[in-house]
Amino acid sequence: MHTLLDLRGAIPAFIHVSDGKLGDVNVLDILPIEAGAFYIMDRGYLDFARLFKLHQSGAFFVTRAKRGMNARRVYSSATDRATGVICDQRIALNGFYVRRDYPEHLRRVKFKDPESGKTLVFLTNNMTLPPLTIAALYKSRWQVELFFKWIKQHLRIKRFLATSENAVKTQIWCAVSTYVLIAIVKKELHLDASLYTCLQILSVSIFEKTQLSCALQPDRSQITPLPVNNQLILFDF
């Protein structure tokens, strides 16, 4: 299930269900591109010809560089290593084929994560954002991992009712639609409860004649303790 997640609401903006033989990078050929948007992806989508098409469409991308990438430094910007940014460079690709696929300059940001201690190298076509923002954008990619984790844990498909392509896709789309509907309700009602809590409440109250705004609101009723001075005296001392 190849998914493009809109981080503004943690809701899938594009889903393509394949037979498992379709490589992740091939999904860039059918992905609807929105000019001005940022597309955050891991190294599995590093294909310079496809990234250049995305660049020509007016969109931005942030991905990670692979080891041994053949490129030369064109320009280096001053950085503060205390922030974790090791270098912020403008680079050009070497090699006949990769230079033909992406003939323009790229930006390379090398960042050491203070939490994990890992050193990450990011590639982007955005030349204006601060390097820490580029690192933060890539970190937000973890939301798509959380989305799949939520789907697998809370919308488990224990077995397929049928094995045809239409039947399998129908069950998958039902699970995704459930997630999206709950996410919309949570946002519209400004609920603080997690998606899992909302799902559990709806699963036990789906046939009750109760408004969603009432069913999903937290129970604020509390037992008021009796004042100490009103307690009856049972024994005389």
C-alpha atoms as a PDB file:
ATOM      1  CA  MET A   1       0.000   0.000   0.000  1.00  0.00           C
ATOM      2  CA  HIS A   2       1.983   2.962  -1.309  1.00  0.00           C
ATOM      3  CA  THR A   3       0.833   5.991   0.668  1.00  0.00           C
ATOM      4  CA  LEU A   4       1.356   9.741   0.497  1.00  0.00           C
ATOM      5  CA  LEU A   5       0.493  11.196   3.911  1.00  0.00           C
ATOM      6  CA  ASP A   6      -0.571  14.812   4.279  1.00  0.00           C
ATOM      7  CA  LEU A   7       1.194  15.939   7.456  1.00  0.00           C
ATOM      8  CA  ARG A   8      -1.208  18.833   7.952  1.00  0.00           C
ATOM      9  CA  GLY A   9      -3.831  16.395   9.180  1.00  0.00           C
ATOM     10  CA  ALA A  10      -2.110  12.988   9.211  1.00  0.00           C
ATOM     11  CA  ILE A  11      -4.558  11.887   6.510  1.00  0.00           C
ATOM     12  CA  PRO A  12      -3.578   9.944   3.366  1.00  0.00           C
ATOM     13  CA  ALA A  13      -3.670  12.152   0.279  1.00  0.00           C
ATOM     14  CA  PHE A  14      -2.800   9.348  -2.151  1.00  0.00           C
ATOM     15  CA  ILE A  15      -2.895   5.546  -1.890  1.00  0.00           C
ATOM     16  CA  HIS A  16      -2.014   2.990  -4.515  1.00  0.00           C
ATOM     17  CA  VAL A  17      -2.471  -0.703  -3.739  1.00  0.00           C
ATOM     18  CA  SER A  18      -0.144  -2.861  -5.822  1.00  0.00           C
ATOM     19  CA  ASP A  19       0.568  -6.581  -6.068  1.00  0.00           C
ATOM     20  CA  GLY A  20       3.797  -6.235  -4.104  1.00  0.00           C
ATOM     21  CA  LYS A  21       6.027  -6.441  -7.172  1.00  0.00           C
ATOM     22  CA  LEU A  22       5.906  -2.706  -7.853  1.00  0.00           C
ATOM     23  CA  GLY A  23       9.015  -0.937  -6.561  1.00  0.00           C
ATOM     24  CA  ASP A  24       8.488   2.028  -4.277  1.00  0.00           C
ATOM     25  CA  VAL A  25      10.352   4.399  -6.576  1.00  0.00           C
ATOM     26  CA  ASN A  26       7.996   3.580  -9.471  1.00  0.00           C
ATOM     27  CA  VAL A  27       5.133   5.180  -7.557  1.00  0.00           C
ATOM     28  CA  LEU A  28       6.673   8.586  -8.308  1.00  0.00           C
ATOM     29  CA  ASP A  29       5.523   8.071 -11.902  1.00  0.00           C
ATOM     30  CA  ILE A  30       1.841   8.029 -10.884  1.00  0.00           C
ATOM     31  CA  LEU A  31       2.016  10.365  -7.885  1.00  0.00           C
ATOM     32  CA  PRO A  32       0.013  13.587  -8.344  1.00  0.00           C
ATOM     33  CA  ILE A  33       2.475  16.456  -7.867  1.00  0.00           C
ATOM     34  CA  GLU A  34       1.398  19.705  -6.212  1.00  0.00           C
ATOM     35  CA  ALA A  35       3.567  22.728  -6.989  1.00  0.00           C
ATOM     36  CA  GLY A  36       5.061  24.317  -3.881  1.00  0.00           C
ATOM     37  CA  ALA A  37       4.559  21.211  -1.741  1.00  0.00           C
ATOM     38  CA  PHE A  38       7.339  19.337   0.043  1.00  0.00           C
ATOM     39  CA  TYR A  39       7.700  15.602  -0.562  1.00  0.00           C
ATOM     40  CA  ILE A  40       9.653  13.803   2.146  1.00  0.00           C
ATOM     41  CA  MET A  41      10.906  10.330   1.246  1.00  0.00           C
ATOM     42  CA  ASP A  42      13.574   7.841   2.275  1.00  0.00           C
ATOM     43  CA  ARG A  43      16.473   6.521   0.216  1.00  0.00           C
ATOM     44  CA  GLY A  44      14.275   3.972  -1.521  1.00  0.00           C
ATOM     45  CA  TYR A  45      12.919   6.801  -3.689  1.00  0.00           C
ATOM     46  CA  LEU A  46      16.304   8.168  -4.706  1.00  0.00           C
ATOM     47  CA  ASP A  47      16.037   8.254  -8.488  1.00  0.00           C
ATOM     48  CA  PHE A  48      17.520  11.417  -9.975  1.00  0.00           C
ATOM     49  CA  ALA A  49      15.502  11.324 -13.205  1.00  0.00           C
ATOM     50  CA  ARG A  50      12.225  11.106 -11.292  1.00  0.00           C
ATOM     51  CA  LEU A  51      13.353  13.680  -8.731  1.00  0.00           C
ATOM     52  CA  PHE A  52      14.204  16.096 -11.533  1.00  0.00           C
ATOM     53  CA  LYS A  53      10.698  15.732 -12.959  1.00  0.00           C
ATOM     54  CA  LEU A  54       9.363  16.558  -9.502  1.00  0.00           C
ATOM     55  CA  HIS A  55      11.699  19.575  -9.407  1.00  0.00           C
ATOM     56  CA  GLN A  56      10.484  20.751 -12.826  1.00  0.00           C
ATOM     57  CA  SER A  57       6.892  20.540 -11.558  1.00  0.00           C
ATOM     58  CA  GLY A  58       7.637  23.267  -9.019  1.00  0.00           C
ATOM     59  CA  ALA A  59       7.640  20.977  -5.987  1.00  0.00           C
ATOM     60  CA  PHE A  60      10.339  20.413  -3.377  1.00  0.00           C
ATOM     61  CA  PHE A  61      11.749  17.158  -2.060  1.00  0.00           C
ATOM     62  CA  VAL A  62      13.849  16.089   0.909  1.00  0.00           C
ATOM     63  CA  THR A  63      15.468  12.671   0.910  1.00  0.00           C
ATOM     64  CA  ARG A  64      18.607  10.954   2.171  1.00  0.00           C
ATOM     65  CA  ALA A  65      21.752  10.416   0.151  1.00  0.00           C
ATOM     66  CA  LYS A  66      23.145   6.953  -0.433  1.00  0.00           C
ATOM     67  CA  ARG A  67      26.663   6.027   0.529  1.00  0.00           C
ATOM     68  CA  GLY A  68      29.283   6.528  -2.127  1.00  0.00           C
ATOM     69  CA  MET A  69      27.240   9.058  -4.090  1.00  0.00           C
ATOM     70  CA  ASN A  70      29.462  10.568  -6.769  1.00  0.00           C
ATOM     71  CA  ALA A  71      29.190  14.353  -6.466  1.00  0.00           C
ATOM     72  CA  ARG A  72      31.404  17.414  -6.107  1.00  0.00           C
ATOM     73  CA  ARG A  73      31.023  20.419  -3.862  1.00  0.00           C
ATOM     74  CA  VAL A  74      30.238  23.701  -5.619  1.00  0.00           C
ATOM     75  CA  TYR A  75      29.629  26.020  -2.677  1.00  0.00           C
ATOM     76  CA  SER A  76      29.575  25.744   1.130  1.00  0.00           C
ATOM     77  CA  SER A  77      27.518  27.879   3.495  1.00  0.00           C
ATOM     78  CA  ALA A  78      28.641  28.775   6.995  1.00  0.00           C
ATOM     79  CA  THR A  79      27.155  26.535   9.676  1.00  0.00           C
ATOM     80  CA  ASP A  80      27.047  26.357  13.445  1.00  0.00           C
ATOM     81  CA  ARG A  81      28.137  22.860  14.442  1.00  0.00           C
ATOM     82  CA  ALA A  82      26.719  23.356  17.918  1.00  0.00           C
ATOM     83  CA  THR A  83      23.247  22.982  16.354  1.00  0.00           C
ATOM     84  CA  GLY A  84      24.168  19.614  14.848  1.00  0.00           C
ATOM     85  CA  VAL A  85      24.601  20.894  11.285  1.00  0.00           C
ATOM     86  CA  ILE A  86      27.997  19.687  10.078  1.00  0.00           C
ATOM     87  CA  CYS A  87      27.851  21.133   6.571  1.00  0.00           C
ATOM     88  CA  ASP A  88      25.439  22.852   4.203  1.00  0.00           C
ATOM     89  CA  GLN A  89      26.631  22.555   0.611  1.00  0.00           C
ATOM     90  CA  ARG A  90      25.513  23.060  -2.937  1.00  0.00           C
ATOM     91  CA  ILE A  91      26.684  20.127  -5.045  1.00  0.00           C
ATOM     92  CA  ALA A  92      26.743  18.924  -8.637  1.00  0.00           C
ATOM     93  CA  LEU A  93      26.452  15.283  -9.605  1.00  0.00           C
ATOM     94  CA  ASN A  94      29.346  13.570 -11.352  1.00  0.00           C
ATOM     95  CA  GLY A  95      29.023  10.851 -13.921  1.00  0.00           C
ATOM     96  CA  PHE A  96      27.500  11.043 -17.372  1.00  0.00           C
ATOM     97  CA  TYR A  97      24.166   9.361 -16.649  1.00  0.00           C
ATOM     98  CA  VAL A  98      23.330  10.907 -13.272  1.00  0.00           C
ATOM     99  CA  ARG A  99      24.338  14.357 -14.547  1.00  0.00           C
ATOM    100  CA  ARG A 100      22.034  13.823 -17.515  1.00  0.00           C
ATOM    101  CA  ASP A 101      19.202  12.757 -15.203  1.00  0.00           C
ATOM    102  CA  TYR A 102      19.643  15.728 -12.861  1.00  0.00           C
ATOM    103  CA  PRO A 103      21.603  18.493 -14.634  1.00  0.00           C
ATOM    104  CA  GLU A 104      21.068  21.179 -11.978  1.00  0.00           C
ATOM    105  CA  HIS A 105      22.649  21.669  -8.569  1.00  0.00           C
ATOM    106  CA  LEU A 106      21.418  19.945  -5.427  1.00  0.00           C
ATOM    107  CA  ARG A 107      21.717  20.904  -1.808  1.00  0.00           C
ATOM    108  CA  ARG A 108      23.438  18.544   0.623  1.00  0.00           C
ATOM    109  CA  VAL A 109      22.920  18.974   4.374  1.00  0.00           C
ATOM    110  CA  LYS A 110      24.932  16.830   6.784  1.00  0.00           C
ATOM    111  CA  PHE A 111      23.349  16.670  10.220  1.00  0.00           C
ATOM    112  CA  LYS A 112      24.250  14.844  13.419  1.00  0.00           C
ATOM    113  CA  ASP A 113      21.171  13.948  15.432  1.00  0.00           C
ATOM    114  CA  PRO A 114      21.851  14.886  19.073  1.00  0.00           C
ATOM    115  CA  GLU A 115      19.329  12.316  20.310  1.00  0.00           C
ATOM    116  CA  SER A 116      20.545   9.209  18.478  1.00  0.00           C
ATOM    117  CA  GLY A 117      24.068  10.340  17.668  1.00  0.00           C
ATOM    118  CA  LYS A 118      23.617   9.266  14.029  1.00  0.00           C
ATOM    119  CA  THR A 119      24.955  11.353  11.172  1.00  0.00           C
ATOM    120  CA  LEU A 120      22.428  11.841   8.348  1.00  0.00           C
ATOM    121  CA  VAL A 121      23.007  13.328   4.905  1.00  0.00           C
ATOM    122  CA  PHE A 122      19.986  14.975   3.297  1.00  0.00           C
ATOM    123  CA  LEU A 123      19.447  15.933  -0.340  1.00  0.00           C
ATOM    124  CA  THR A 124      16.966  18.606  -1.363  1.00  0.00           C
ATOM    125  CA  ASN A 125      16.235  20.993  -4.202  1.00  0.00           C
ATOM    126  CA  ASN A 126      15.232  23.772  -1.785  1.00  0.00           C
ATOM    127  CA  MET A 127      18.066  26.264  -1.473  1.00  0.00           C
ATOM    128  CA  THR A 128      16.503  28.815   0.902  1.00  0.00           C
ATOM    129  CA  LEU A 129      15.239  27.067   4.042  1.00  0.00           C
ATOM    130  CA  PRO A 130      17.584  26.869   7.038  1.00  0.00           C
ATOM    131  CA  PRO A 131      19.419  23.532   7.323  1.00  0.00           C
ATOM    132  CA  LEU A 132      17.748  22.747  10.649  1.00  0.00           C
ATOM    133  CA  THR A 133      14.368  23.102   8.937  1.00  0.00           C
ATOM    134  CA  ILE A 134      15.459  20.589   6.302  1.00  0.00           C
ATOM    135  CA  ALA A 135      16.394  18.162   9.083  1.00  0.00           C
ATOM    136  CA  ALA A 136      13.074  18.781  10.850  1.00  0.00           C
ATOM    137  CA  LEU A 137      11.169  18.169   7.624  1.00  0.00           C
ATOM    138  CA  TYR A 138      12.819  14.792   7.171  1.00  0.00           C
ATOM    139  CA  LYS A 139      12.131  13.900  10.792  1.00  0.00           C
ATOM    140  CA  SER A 140       8.423  14.471  10.150  1.00  0.00           C
ATOM    141  CA  ARG A 141       8.574  11.567   7.674  1.00  0.00           C
ATOM    142  CA  TRP A 142       8.248   9.320  10.723  1.00  0.00           C
ATOM    143  CA  GLN A 143       4.529  10.168  10.745  1.00  0.00           C
ATOM    144  CA  VAL A 144       3.949   7.829   7.811  1.00  0.00           C
ATOM    145  CA  GLU A 145       5.570   5.013   9.806  1.00  0.00           C
ATOM    146  CA  LEU A 146       3.232   5.777  12.703  1.00  0.00           C
ATOM    147  CA  PHE A 147       0.302   5.723  10.280  1.00  0.00           C
ATOM    148  CA  PHE A 148       1.139   2.205   9.104  1.00  0.00           C
ATOM    149  CA  LYS A 149       1.785   1.100  12.680  1.00  0.00           C
ATOM    150  CA  TRP A 150      -1.656   2.398  13.692  1.00  0.00           C
ATOM    151  CA  ILE A 151      -3.314   0.650  10.762  1.00  0.00           C
ATOM    152  CA  LYS A 152      -1.617  -2.668  11.561  1.00  0.00           C
ATOM    153  CA  GLN A 153      -2.335  -2.532  15.300  1.00  0.00           C
ATOM    154  CA  HIS A 154      -5.860  -1.160  15.447  1.00  0.00           C
ATOM    155  CA  LEU A 155      -7.443  -2.007  12.083  1.00  0.00           C
ATOM    156  CA  ARG A 156      -6.125  -5.534  11.810  1.00  0.00           C
ATOM    157  CA  ILE A 157      -7.409  -7.574   8.910  1.00  0.00           C
ATOM    158  CA  LYS A 158      -7.334 -11.026  10.508  1.00  0.00           C
ATOM    159  CA  ARG A 159      -8.397 -12.793   7.348  1.00  0.00           C
ATOM    160  CA  PHE A 160      -9.627 -11.886   3.896  1.00  0.00           C
ATOM    161  CA  LEU A 161     -13.215 -12.758   3.065  1.00  0.00           C
ATOM    162  CA  ALA A 162     -12.132 -13.606  -0.466  1.00  0.00           C
ATOM    163  CA  THR A 163      -8.889 -13.804  -2.403  1.00  0.00           C
ATOM    164  CA  SER A 164      -9.789 -11.905  -5.559  1.00  0.00           C
ATOM    165  CA  GLU A 165      -8.096  -8.575  -6.237  1.00  0.00           C
ATOM    166  CA  ASN A 166     -11.346  -6.676  -5.798  1.00  0.00           C
ATOM    167  CA  ALA A 167     -12.120  -8.356  -2.467  1.00  0.00           C
ATOM    168  CA  VAL A 168      -8.658  -7.737  -1.006  1.00  0.00           C
ATOM    169  CA  LYS A 169      -8.619  -4.097  -2.093  1.00  0.00           C
ATOM    170  CA  THR A 170     -12.135  -3.589  -0.715  1.00  0.00           C
ATOM    171  CA  GLN A 171     -11.101  -4.721   2.765  1.00  0.00           C
ATOM    172  CA  ILE A 172      -7.974  -2.576   2.692  1.00  0.00           C
ATOM    173  CA  TRP A 173      -9.928   0.488   1.581  1.00  0.00           C
ATOM    174  CA  CYS A 174     -12.527  -0.115   4.312  1.00  0.00           C
ATOM    175  CA  ALA A 175      -9.751  -0.098   6.932  1.00  0.00           C
ATOM    176  CA  VAL A 176      -8.236   3.093   5.514  1.00  0.00           C
ATOM    177  CA  SER A 177     -11.646   4.772   5.259  1.00  0.00           C
ATOM    178  CA  THR A 178     -12.286   3.983   8.921  1.00  0.00           C
ATOM    179  CA  TYR A 179      -9.007   5.642   9.860  1.00  0.00           C
ATOM    180  CA  VAL A 180      -9.774   8.738   7.777  1.00  0.00           C
ATOM    181  CA  LEU A 181     -13.309   9.132   9.162  1.00  0.00           C
ATOM    182  CA  ILE A 182     -12.075   8.906  12.736  1.00  0.00           C
ATOM    183  CA  ALA A 183      -9.295  11.411  12.008  1.00  0.00           C
ATOM    184  CA  ILE A 184     -11.832  13.838  10.510  1.00  0.00           C
ATOM    185  CA  VAL A 185     -14.165  13.482  13.518  1.00  0.00           C
ATOM    186  CA  LYS A 186     -11.278  14.024  15.926  1.00  0.00           C
ATOM    187  CA  LYS A 187     -10.234  17.198  14.122  1.00  0.00           C
ATOM    188  CA  GLU A 188     -13.746  18.620  13.656  1.00  0.00           C
ATOM    189  CA  LEU A 189     -14.702  18.075  17.315  1.00  0.00           C
ATOM    190  CA  HIS A 190     -11.287  19.252  18.608  1.00  0.00           C
ATOM    191  CA  LEU A 191     -10.851  16.114  20.697  1.00  0.00           C
ATOM    192  CA  ASP A 192      -7.807  15.553  22.859  1.00  0.00           C
ATOM    193  CA  ALA A 193      -8.320  11.786  22.885  1.00  0.00           C
ATOM    194  CA  SER A 194      -6.116   9.618  20.669  1.00  0.00           C
ATOM    195  CA  LEU A 195      -7.394   7.995  17.485  1.00  0.00           C
ATOM    196  CA  TYR A 196      -7.270   4.629  19.234  1.00  0.00           C
ATOM    197  CA  THR A 197      -9.488   5.879  22.080  1.00  0.00           C
ATOM    198  CA  CYS A 198     -12.001   7.323  19.605  1.00  0.00           C
ATOM    199  CA  LEU A 199     -12.028   4.032  17.710  1.00  0.00           C
ATOM    200  CA  GLN A 200     -12.724   2.044  20.886  1.00  0.00           C
ATOM    201  CA  ILE A 201     -15.575   4.350  21.930  1.00  0.00           C
ATOM    202  CA  LEU A 202     -17.201   4.194  18.507  1.00  0.00           C
ATOM    203  CA  SER A 203     -16.850   0.400  18.327  1.00  0.00           C
ATOM    204  CA  VAL A 204     -19.020  -0.062  21.449  1.00  0.00           C
ATOM    205  CA  SER A 205     -21.491   2.764  20.798  1.00  0.00           C
ATOM    206  CA  ILE A 206     -22.001   2.546  17.053  1.00  0.00           C
ATOM    207  CA  PHE A 207     -25.646   1.432  17.353  1.00  0.00           C
ATOM    208  CA  GLU A 208     -26.572   3.802  20.186  1.00  0.00           C
ATOM    209  CA  LYS A 209     -28.646   6.900  19.501  1.00  0.00           C
ATOM    210  CA  THR A 210     -26.024   9.260  20.869  1.00  0.00           C
ATOM    211  CA  GLN A 211     -24.465  12.197  19.107  1.00  0.00           C
ATOM    212  CA  LEU A 212     -20.792  11.758  18.331  1.00  0.00           C
ATOM    213  CA  SER A 213     -19.958  15.021  20.073  1.00  0.00           C
ATOM    214  CA  CYS A 214     -21.437  13.611  23.291  1.00  0.00           C
ATOM    215  CA  ALA A 215     -20.131  10.056  22.993  1.00  0.00           C
ATOM    216  CA  LEU A 216     -16.542  11.153  22.401  1.00  0.00           C
ATOM    217  CA  GLN A 217     -16.386  13.837  25.076  1.00  0.00           C
ATOM    218  CA  PRO A 218     -14.491  12.827  28.231  1.00  0.00           C
ATOM    219  CA  ASP A 219     -16.519  12.008  31.311  1.00  0.00           C
ATOM    220  CA  ARG A 220     -15.967  14.933  33.635  1.00  0.00           C
ATOM    221  CA  SER A 221     -18.406  13.784  36.301  1.00  0.00           C
ATOM    222  CA  GLN A 222     -16.796  13.327  39.684  1.00  0.00           C
ATOM    223  CA  ILE A 223     -18.140  12.191  43.011  1.00  0.00           C
ATOM    224  CA  THR A 224     -18.175  15.168  45.334  1.00  0.00           C
ATOM    225  CA  PRO A 225     -16.885  14.137  48.769  1.00  0.00           C
ATOM    226  CA  LEU A 226     -18.949  15.071  51.786  1.00  0.00           C
ATOM    227  CA  PRO A 227     -17.562  17.870  53.914  1.00  0.00           C
ATOM    228  CA  VAL A 228     -15.795  16.579  56.993  1.00  0.00           C
ATOM    229  CA  ASN A 229     -17.761  18.828  59.336  1.00  0.00           C
ATOM    230  CA  ASN A 230     -21.071  17.259  58.172  1.00  0.00           C
ATOM    231  CA  GLN A 231     -20.043  13.710  59.095  1.00  0.00           C
ATOM    232  CA  LEU A 232     -22.349  12.174  61.705  1.00  0.00           C
ATOM    233  CA  ILE A 233     -20.913  11.150  65.067  1.00  0.00           C
ATOM    234  CA  LEU A 234     -21.741   7.560  65.895  1.00  0.00           C
ATOM    235  CA  PHE A 235     -20.008   7.242  69.225  1.00  0.00           C
ATOM    236  CA  ASP A 236     -19.607   9.528  72.184  1.00  0.00           C
ATOM    237  CA  PHE A 237     -16.178   9.664  73.777  1.00  0.00           C
END
